[in-house]
C-alpha cells in the first residue's frame, strides 16, 4: 500500500470520525453536504481551530456565524448563551467535537491527540497547509457551519 493510499484512508477516517462526533455531540437534526477540496487559503470570520497531532497531523476548524454557535450551545445546555459567553462556548464545542473525533478514529487504529482550542474572531486568512477539505453542515433549526479538515 502506498503513502497516498494511507493518507486517503486517514482522510476518510477523519471525515467519518468528525461526522460521528457531531451527530453524537449536538442534539439538533443536521445534514452534511458533500466534502470538497478547498483552495490554498481559507477566509474565516468566526470559528474555532483545534490542532490534531499523532499518526495524523492537521487541524479541525468549525466556522460559522456567532449566532449559530450560540443556538447550538442553547440546544446542548438548555439555556440561552449570552453574547459574552459565545467565545468560550465555541472553544468548548471545538473541544467536544475534536475529542470525539480523536476517540472515533482511535477505533480504526489511528492514535491522535488534540490541542487546546483557538477561537478566531474577525477577518482571518489561513495559508500554509497541504490539503483542506470543507465539510458543509446544515442544522435544520439554527443555520449552517463549515467544518474544515486541514491535513499537514
N, C-alpha and C. Protein backbone atom coordinates (compact mmCIF):
# COMPACT_ATOMS: atom_id res chain seq x y z
N UNK A 1 0.85 -1.18 0.00
CA UNK A 1 0.00 0.00 0.00
C UNK A 1 0.90 1.24 0.00
N UNK A 2 0.55 2.24 -0.79
CA UNK A 2 1.39 3.43 -0.92
C UNK A 2 1.06 4.44 0.17
N UNK A 3 1.93 5.43 0.30
CA UNK A 3 1.69 6.51 1.25
C UNK A 3 0.41 7.26 0.88
N UNK A 4 0.17 7.43 -0.42
CA UNK A 4 -1.05 8.10 -0.88
C UNK A 4 -2.29 7.34 -0.43
N UNK A 5 -2.27 6.01 -0.54
CA UNK A 5 -3.40 5.20 -0.09
C UNK A 5 -3.60 5.35 1.42
N UNK A 6 -2.49 5.33 2.18
CA UNK A 6 -2.58 5.50 3.63
C UNK A 6 -3.17 6.86 3.98
N UNK A 7 -2.75 7.91 3.27
CA UNK A 7 -3.26 9.25 3.55
C UNK A 7 -4.74 9.34 3.18
N UNK A 8 -5.15 8.72 2.08
CA UNK A 8 -6.56 8.72 1.70
C UNK A 8 -7.41 8.01 2.75
N UNK A 9 -6.92 6.90 3.26
CA UNK A 9 -7.65 6.20 4.32
C UNK A 9 -7.74 7.04 5.58
N UNK A 10 -6.64 7.71 5.92
CA UNK A 10 -6.64 8.57 7.11
C UNK A 10 -7.66 9.70 6.94
N UNK A 11 -7.72 10.29 5.76
CA UNK A 11 -8.68 11.37 5.50
C UNK A 11 -10.11 10.85 5.61
N UNK A 12 -10.36 9.67 5.07
CA UNK A 12 -11.69 9.06 5.19
C UNK A 12 -12.05 8.84 6.66
N UNK A 13 -11.09 8.33 7.45
CA UNK A 13 -11.34 8.13 8.89
C UNK A 13 -11.61 9.46 9.59
N UNK A 14 -10.85 10.51 9.21
CA UNK A 14 -11.08 11.83 9.81
C UNK A 14 -12.47 12.36 9.49
N UNK A 15 -12.87 12.25 8.23
CA UNK A 15 -14.21 12.72 7.84
C UNK A 15 -15.31 11.94 8.57
N UNK A 16 -15.21 10.63 8.54
CA UNK A 16 -16.22 9.80 9.20
C UNK A 16 -16.24 10.04 10.71
N UNK A 17 -15.05 10.15 11.31
CA UNK A 17 -14.96 10.40 12.75
C UNK A 17 -15.53 11.75 13.13
N UNK A 18 -15.32 12.75 12.28
CA UNK A 18 -15.86 14.08 12.54
C UNK A 18 -17.39 14.06 12.46
N UNK A 19 -17.92 13.44 11.42
CA UNK A 19 -19.38 13.38 11.28
C UNK A 19 -20.02 12.64 12.45
N UNK A 20 -19.41 11.54 12.87
CA UNK A 20 -19.94 10.79 14.00
C UNK A 20 -19.89 11.63 15.28
N UNK A 21 -18.81 12.35 15.47
CA UNK A 21 -18.68 13.18 16.66
C UNK A 21 -19.74 14.27 16.70
N UNK A 22 -19.98 14.92 15.57
CA UNK A 22 -21.01 15.97 15.51
C UNK A 22 -22.37 15.37 15.83
N UNK A 23 -22.70 14.26 15.19
CA UNK A 23 -24.01 13.63 15.40
C UNK A 23 -24.20 13.20 16.86
N UNK A 24 -23.11 12.74 17.51
CA UNK A 24 -23.20 12.29 18.90
C UNK A 24 -23.17 13.43 19.90
N UNK A 25 -22.69 14.61 19.50
CA UNK A 25 -22.47 15.71 20.45
C UNK A 25 -23.54 16.79 20.41
N UNK A 26 -24.11 17.02 19.25
CA UNK A 26 -25.02 18.16 19.08
C UNK A 26 -26.45 17.64 18.88
N UNK A 27 -27.35 17.99 19.81
CA UNK A 27 -28.72 17.44 19.76
C UNK A 27 -29.66 18.22 18.84
N UNK A 28 -29.19 18.51 17.63
CA UNK A 28 -30.01 19.21 16.64
C UNK A 28 -29.94 18.39 15.36
N UNK A 29 -31.10 18.18 14.74
CA UNK A 29 -31.09 17.44 13.48
C UNK A 29 -30.24 18.20 12.46
N UNK A 30 -29.39 17.45 11.76
CA UNK A 30 -28.47 18.09 10.83
C UNK A 30 -28.21 17.20 9.62
N UNK A 31 -27.72 17.84 8.58
CA UNK A 31 -27.31 17.12 7.37
C UNK A 31 -25.94 17.64 6.94
N UNK A 32 -25.10 16.72 6.53
CA UNK A 32 -23.80 17.08 5.98
C UNK A 32 -23.90 17.20 4.48
N UNK A 33 -23.23 18.19 3.93
CA UNK A 33 -23.10 18.31 2.49
C UNK A 33 -21.96 17.42 2.02
N UNK A 34 -21.69 17.47 0.74
CA UNK A 34 -20.63 16.67 0.16
C UNK A 34 -19.26 17.29 0.48
N UNK A 35 -18.32 16.49 0.99
CA UNK A 35 -16.97 17.02 1.23
C UNK A 35 -16.35 17.50 -0.07
N UNK A 36 -15.60 18.60 0.01
CA UNK A 36 -14.94 19.13 -1.18
C UNK A 36 -13.58 19.71 -0.80
N UNK A 37 -12.65 19.63 -1.74
CA UNK A 37 -11.35 20.25 -1.53
C UNK A 37 -11.51 21.75 -1.63
N UNK A 38 -10.88 22.48 -0.72
CA UNK A 38 -10.90 23.94 -0.77
C UNK A 38 -9.58 24.44 -1.34
N UNK A 39 -9.51 25.73 -1.57
CA UNK A 39 -8.34 26.35 -2.17
C UNK A 39 -7.14 26.40 -1.23
N UNK A 40 -6.15 27.14 -1.65
CA UNK A 40 -4.89 27.23 -0.91
C UNK A 40 -4.94 28.22 0.25
N UNK A 41 -6.09 28.88 0.44
CA UNK A 41 -6.24 29.74 1.61
C UNK A 41 -7.69 29.66 2.07
N UNK A 42 -7.88 29.91 3.34
CA UNK A 42 -9.22 29.94 3.93
C UNK A 42 -9.47 31.33 4.47
N UNK A 43 -10.65 31.86 4.21
CA UNK A 43 -11.07 33.12 4.80
C UNK A 43 -12.15 32.81 5.82
N UNK A 44 -11.90 33.21 7.06
CA UNK A 44 -12.83 32.94 8.14
C UNK A 44 -13.17 34.24 8.85
N UNK A 45 -14.36 34.29 9.45
CA UNK A 45 -14.77 35.46 10.23
C UNK A 45 -15.03 35.10 11.68
N UNK A 46 -15.50 33.89 11.92
CA UNK A 46 -15.67 33.42 13.30
C UNK A 46 -15.59 31.90 13.29
N UNK A 47 -14.93 31.36 14.30
CA UNK A 47 -14.84 29.91 14.40
C UNK A 47 -13.85 29.49 15.46
N UNK A 48 -13.54 28.21 15.44
CA UNK A 48 -12.60 27.65 16.40
C UNK A 48 -11.70 26.66 15.67
N UNK A 49 -10.42 26.69 16.02
CA UNK A 49 -9.41 25.83 15.41
C UNK A 49 -8.85 24.92 16.49
N UNK A 50 -8.80 23.61 16.20
CA UNK A 50 -8.21 22.63 17.11
C UNK A 50 -7.13 21.88 16.34
N UNK A 51 -5.94 21.80 16.88
CA UNK A 51 -4.87 21.04 16.25
C UNK A 51 -5.04 19.55 16.49
N UNK A 52 -4.61 18.76 15.52
CA UNK A 52 -4.62 17.29 15.63
C UNK A 52 -3.18 16.83 15.51
N UNK A 53 -2.72 16.05 16.47
CA UNK A 53 -1.35 15.54 16.47
C UNK A 53 -1.38 14.02 16.52
N UNK A 54 -0.23 13.40 16.30
CA UNK A 54 -0.13 11.95 16.38
C UNK A 54 0.06 11.33 15.01
N UNK A 55 -0.61 10.20 14.77
CA UNK A 55 -0.48 9.49 13.49
C UNK A 55 -0.95 10.33 12.31
N UNK A 56 -1.90 11.21 12.55
CA UNK A 56 -2.39 12.14 11.54
C UNK A 56 -2.18 13.53 12.11
N UNK A 57 -1.61 14.42 11.30
CA UNK A 57 -1.36 15.78 11.77
C UNK A 57 -2.17 16.76 10.93
N UNK A 58 -2.83 17.67 11.62
CA UNK A 58 -3.61 18.66 10.91
C UNK A 58 -4.38 19.53 11.88
N UNK A 59 -5.50 20.05 11.39
CA UNK A 59 -6.34 20.93 12.19
C UNK A 59 -7.81 20.70 11.82
N UNK A 60 -8.64 20.88 12.80
CA UNK A 60 -10.09 20.88 12.59
C UNK A 60 -10.56 22.29 12.87
N UNK A 61 -11.31 22.86 11.93
CA UNK A 61 -11.87 24.20 12.12
C UNK A 61 -13.38 24.11 11.97
N UNK A 62 -14.09 24.70 12.92
CA UNK A 62 -15.54 24.89 12.82
C UNK A 62 -15.72 26.37 12.58
N UNK A 63 -16.42 26.73 11.51
CA UNK A 63 -16.58 28.12 11.14
C UNK A 63 -18.04 28.42 10.84
N UNK A 64 -18.49 29.58 11.29
CA UNK A 64 -19.86 29.99 11.02
C UNK A 64 -20.18 31.28 11.73
N UNK A 65 -21.43 31.63 11.74
CA UNK A 65 -21.89 32.84 12.41
C UNK A 65 -21.95 32.60 13.92
N UNK A 66 -21.65 33.65 14.68
CA UNK A 66 -21.71 33.54 16.15
C UNK A 66 -23.08 33.06 16.62
N UNK A 67 -24.14 33.51 15.95
CA UNK A 67 -25.50 33.14 16.35
C UNK A 67 -25.72 31.63 16.23
N UNK A 68 -25.12 30.99 15.23
CA UNK A 68 -25.25 29.54 15.07
C UNK A 68 -24.59 28.84 16.24
N UNK A 69 -23.38 29.28 16.62
CA UNK A 69 -22.71 28.69 17.78
C UNK A 69 -23.55 28.88 19.04
N UNK A 70 -24.13 30.08 19.19
CA UNK A 70 -24.96 30.37 20.34
C UNK A 70 -26.19 29.45 20.40
N UNK A 71 -26.85 29.27 19.26
CA UNK A 71 -28.03 28.40 19.20
C UNK A 71 -27.68 26.95 19.48
N UNK A 72 -26.53 26.50 19.00
CA UNK A 72 -26.07 25.13 19.29
C UNK A 72 -25.85 24.99 20.79
N UNK A 73 -25.21 25.98 21.40
CA UNK A 73 -24.99 25.95 22.85
C UNK A 73 -26.29 25.91 23.63
N UNK A 74 -27.26 26.67 23.17
CA UNK A 74 -28.57 26.66 23.84
C UNK A 74 -29.20 25.28 23.76
N UNK A 75 -29.11 24.63 22.59
CA UNK A 75 -29.67 23.28 22.43
C UNK A 75 -28.92 22.27 23.30
N UNK A 76 -27.61 22.44 23.43
CA UNK A 76 -26.82 21.48 24.21
C UNK A 76 -27.00 21.66 25.72
N UNK A 77 -27.12 22.91 26.17
CA UNK A 77 -27.11 23.19 27.60
C UNK A 77 -28.45 23.65 28.15
N UNK A 78 -29.46 23.80 27.28
CA UNK A 78 -30.81 24.08 27.74
C UNK A 78 -31.06 25.49 28.23
N UNK A 79 -30.17 26.42 27.89
CA UNK A 79 -30.38 27.80 28.30
C UNK A 79 -29.74 28.73 27.28
N UNK A 80 -30.27 29.96 27.16
CA UNK A 80 -29.68 30.90 26.20
C UNK A 80 -28.22 31.19 26.55
N UNK A 81 -27.40 31.35 25.53
CA UNK A 81 -25.99 31.67 25.72
C UNK A 81 -25.82 33.16 25.48
N UNK A 82 -25.43 33.86 26.52
CA UNK A 82 -25.23 35.30 26.41
C UNK A 82 -24.06 35.60 25.47
N UNK A 83 -24.10 36.74 24.82
CA UNK A 83 -23.10 37.10 23.80
C UNK A 83 -21.67 36.98 24.32
N UNK A 84 -21.43 37.41 25.54
CA UNK A 84 -20.08 37.36 26.07
C UNK A 84 -19.59 35.93 26.34
N UNK A 85 -20.49 34.97 26.35
CA UNK A 85 -20.11 33.56 26.59
C UNK A 85 -19.94 32.77 25.29
N UNK A 86 -20.30 33.34 24.15
CA UNK A 86 -20.25 32.61 22.88
C UNK A 86 -18.82 32.20 22.54
N UNK A 87 -17.85 33.05 22.82
CA UNK A 87 -16.46 32.71 22.51
C UNK A 87 -16.03 31.50 23.33
N UNK A 88 -16.31 31.51 24.61
CA UNK A 88 -15.96 30.37 25.46
C UNK A 88 -16.69 29.11 25.01
N UNK A 89 -17.97 29.24 24.72
CA UNK A 89 -18.77 28.12 24.23
C UNK A 89 -18.19 27.55 22.94
N UNK A 90 -17.77 28.42 22.04
CA UNK A 90 -17.23 27.97 20.76
C UNK A 90 -15.97 27.13 20.96
N UNK A 91 -15.10 27.58 21.85
CA UNK A 91 -13.91 26.79 22.16
C UNK A 91 -14.27 25.43 22.75
N UNK A 92 -15.25 25.42 23.64
CA UNK A 92 -15.67 24.15 24.25
C UNK A 92 -16.33 23.24 23.23
N UNK A 93 -17.12 23.79 22.33
CA UNK A 93 -17.73 22.98 21.27
C UNK A 93 -16.65 22.36 20.39
N UNK A 94 -15.63 23.14 20.07
CA UNK A 94 -14.50 22.60 19.31
C UNK A 94 -13.82 21.47 20.04
N UNK A 95 -13.61 21.64 21.34
CA UNK A 95 -13.02 20.56 22.16
C UNK A 95 -13.87 19.30 22.13
N UNK A 96 -15.16 19.46 22.28
CA UNK A 96 -16.07 18.31 22.31
C UNK A 96 -16.02 17.55 20.98
N UNK A 97 -16.11 18.27 19.88
CA UNK A 97 -16.13 17.61 18.57
C UNK A 97 -14.77 17.00 18.25
N UNK A 98 -13.69 17.74 18.50
CA UNK A 98 -12.35 17.20 18.21
C UNK A 98 -12.02 16.03 19.13
N UNK A 99 -12.44 16.10 20.39
CA UNK A 99 -12.22 14.97 21.30
C UNK A 99 -12.97 13.73 20.83
N UNK A 100 -14.20 13.92 20.38
CA UNK A 100 -14.97 12.80 19.84
C UNK A 100 -14.33 12.25 18.58
N UNK A 101 -13.83 13.15 17.73
CA UNK A 101 -13.13 12.72 16.51
C UNK A 101 -11.93 11.86 16.87
N UNK A 102 -11.13 12.32 17.82
CA UNK A 102 -9.93 11.57 18.23
C UNK A 102 -10.31 10.19 18.76
N UNK A 103 -11.36 10.12 19.56
CA UNK A 103 -11.83 8.83 20.08
C UNK A 103 -12.33 7.94 18.95
N UNK A 104 -13.12 8.52 18.03
CA UNK A 104 -13.70 7.73 16.94
C UNK A 104 -12.64 7.15 16.02
N UNK A 105 -11.62 7.94 15.65
CA UNK A 105 -10.62 7.40 14.73
C UNK A 105 -9.64 6.48 15.45
N UNK A 106 -9.60 6.57 16.77
CA UNK A 106 -8.79 5.62 17.53
C UNK A 106 -9.27 4.19 17.35
N UNK A 107 -10.55 4.03 17.09
CA UNK A 107 -11.11 2.70 16.87
C UNK A 107 -10.62 2.10 15.56
N UNK A 108 -10.09 2.94 14.66
CA UNK A 108 -9.55 2.43 13.40
C UNK A 108 -8.05 2.18 13.50
N UNK A 109 -7.50 2.39 14.69
CA UNK A 109 -6.08 2.14 14.89
C UNK A 109 -5.20 3.37 14.79
N UNK A 110 -5.78 4.54 14.46
CA UNK A 110 -5.00 5.77 14.38
C UNK A 110 -4.95 6.41 15.76
N UNK A 111 -3.76 6.72 16.20
CA UNK A 111 -3.59 7.38 17.50
C UNK A 111 -3.42 8.88 17.27
N UNK A 112 -4.28 9.66 17.92
CA UNK A 112 -4.22 11.11 17.79
C UNK A 112 -4.47 11.76 19.14
N UNK A 113 -4.11 13.02 19.20
CA UNK A 113 -4.42 13.85 20.34
C UNK A 113 -4.84 15.20 19.79
N UNK A 114 -5.41 16.04 20.63
CA UNK A 114 -5.85 17.36 20.17
C UNK A 114 -5.19 18.44 21.01
N UNK A 115 -5.09 19.63 20.42
CA UNK A 115 -4.54 20.78 21.12
C UNK A 115 -5.67 21.60 21.73
N UNK A 116 -5.30 22.57 22.53
CA UNK A 116 -6.29 23.49 23.09
C UNK A 116 -6.92 24.29 21.95
N UNK A 117 -8.17 24.71 22.12
CA UNK A 117 -8.84 25.45 21.04
C UNK A 117 -8.31 26.87 20.90
N UNK A 118 -8.33 27.34 19.66
CA UNK A 118 -8.04 28.74 19.34
C UNK A 118 -9.28 29.30 18.68
N UNK A 119 -9.89 30.30 19.30
CA UNK A 119 -11.09 30.91 18.74
C UNK A 119 -10.66 32.03 17.79
N UNK A 120 -11.29 32.04 16.63
CA UNK A 120 -11.00 33.01 15.58
C UNK A 120 -12.17 33.98 15.49
N UNK A 121 -11.87 35.28 15.62
CA UNK A 121 -12.92 36.29 15.50
C UNK A 121 -12.36 37.44 14.67
N UNK A 122 -13.11 37.88 13.69
CA UNK A 122 -12.64 38.93 12.79
C UNK A 122 -12.13 38.30 11.50
N UNK A 123 -11.84 39.11 10.54
CA UNK A 123 -11.40 38.61 9.23
C UNK A 123 -10.03 37.95 9.36
N UNK A 124 -9.96 36.66 9.03
CA UNK A 124 -8.74 35.87 9.16
C UNK A 124 -8.52 35.07 7.89
N UNK A 125 -7.28 35.07 7.42
CA UNK A 125 -6.89 34.23 6.29
C UNK A 125 -5.88 33.21 6.78
N UNK A 126 -6.09 31.95 6.42
CA UNK A 126 -5.16 30.88 6.78
C UNK A 126 -4.50 30.35 5.52
N UNK A 127 -3.18 30.16 5.59
CA UNK A 127 -2.38 29.63 4.49
C UNK A 127 -1.43 28.58 5.04
N UNK A 128 -0.73 27.87 4.14
CA UNK A 128 0.39 27.04 4.53
C UNK A 128 0.04 25.63 4.95
N UNK A 129 -0.82 25.00 4.23
CA UNK A 129 -1.18 23.62 4.52
C UNK A 129 -1.16 22.83 3.22
N UNK A 130 -1.09 21.51 3.37
CA UNK A 130 -1.03 20.64 2.19
C UNK A 130 -2.39 20.49 1.52
N UNK A 131 -3.41 20.24 2.33
CA UNK A 131 -4.74 19.95 1.78
C UNK A 131 -5.78 20.37 2.81
N UNK A 132 -6.89 20.90 2.31
CA UNK A 132 -8.01 21.23 3.19
C UNK A 132 -9.30 20.71 2.55
N UNK A 133 -10.09 20.09 3.40
CA UNK A 133 -11.37 19.55 2.96
C UNK A 133 -12.47 20.29 3.71
N UNK A 134 -13.41 20.83 2.97
CA UNK A 134 -14.56 21.53 3.54
C UNK A 134 -15.72 20.56 3.61
N UNK A 135 -16.33 20.49 4.78
CA UNK A 135 -17.49 19.65 5.01
C UNK A 135 -18.63 20.54 5.49
N UNK A 136 -19.55 20.93 4.58
CA UNK A 136 -20.66 21.79 4.99
C UNK A 136 -21.63 21.03 5.89
N UNK A 137 -22.18 21.75 6.85
CA UNK A 137 -23.08 21.15 7.83
C UNK A 137 -24.26 22.09 8.06
N UNK A 138 -25.46 21.60 7.80
CA UNK A 138 -26.67 22.39 7.96
C UNK A 138 -27.47 21.86 9.14
N UNK A 139 -27.70 22.73 10.13
CA UNK A 139 -28.58 22.40 11.25
C UNK A 139 -29.96 22.93 10.91
N UNK A 140 -30.96 22.05 10.93
CA UNK A 140 -32.28 22.39 10.42
C UNK A 140 -32.91 23.60 11.08
N UNK A 141 -32.67 23.79 12.37
CA UNK A 141 -33.37 24.87 13.07
C UNK A 141 -32.50 26.08 13.38
N UNK A 142 -31.18 26.00 13.17
CA UNK A 142 -30.34 27.12 13.63
C UNK A 142 -29.39 27.69 12.58
N UNK A 143 -29.15 27.01 11.48
CA UNK A 143 -28.24 27.54 10.46
C UNK A 143 -27.13 26.57 10.11
N UNK A 144 -26.07 27.11 9.55
CA UNK A 144 -25.00 26.26 8.98
C UNK A 144 -23.65 26.54 9.61
N UNK A 145 -22.81 25.53 9.60
CA UNK A 145 -21.40 25.63 9.93
C UNK A 145 -20.62 24.99 8.80
N UNK A 146 -19.40 25.43 8.64
CA UNK A 146 -18.46 24.73 7.76
C UNK A 146 -17.42 24.09 8.66
N UNK A 147 -17.16 22.82 8.42
CA UNK A 147 -16.08 22.14 9.10
C UNK A 147 -14.96 21.99 8.08
N UNK A 148 -13.77 22.35 8.48
CA UNK A 148 -12.60 22.23 7.62
C UNK A 148 -11.63 21.27 8.26
N UNK A 149 -11.17 20.29 7.51
CA UNK A 149 -10.11 19.40 7.95
C UNK A 149 -8.87 19.78 7.16
N UNK A 150 -7.88 20.29 7.86
CA UNK A 150 -6.62 20.66 7.23
C UNK A 150 -5.63 19.55 7.49
N UNK A 151 -5.04 19.04 6.43
CA UNK A 151 -4.05 17.98 6.55
C UNK A 151 -2.67 18.61 6.34
N UNK A 152 -1.80 18.44 7.34
CA UNK A 152 -0.44 18.98 7.24
C UNK A 152 0.46 18.03 6.50
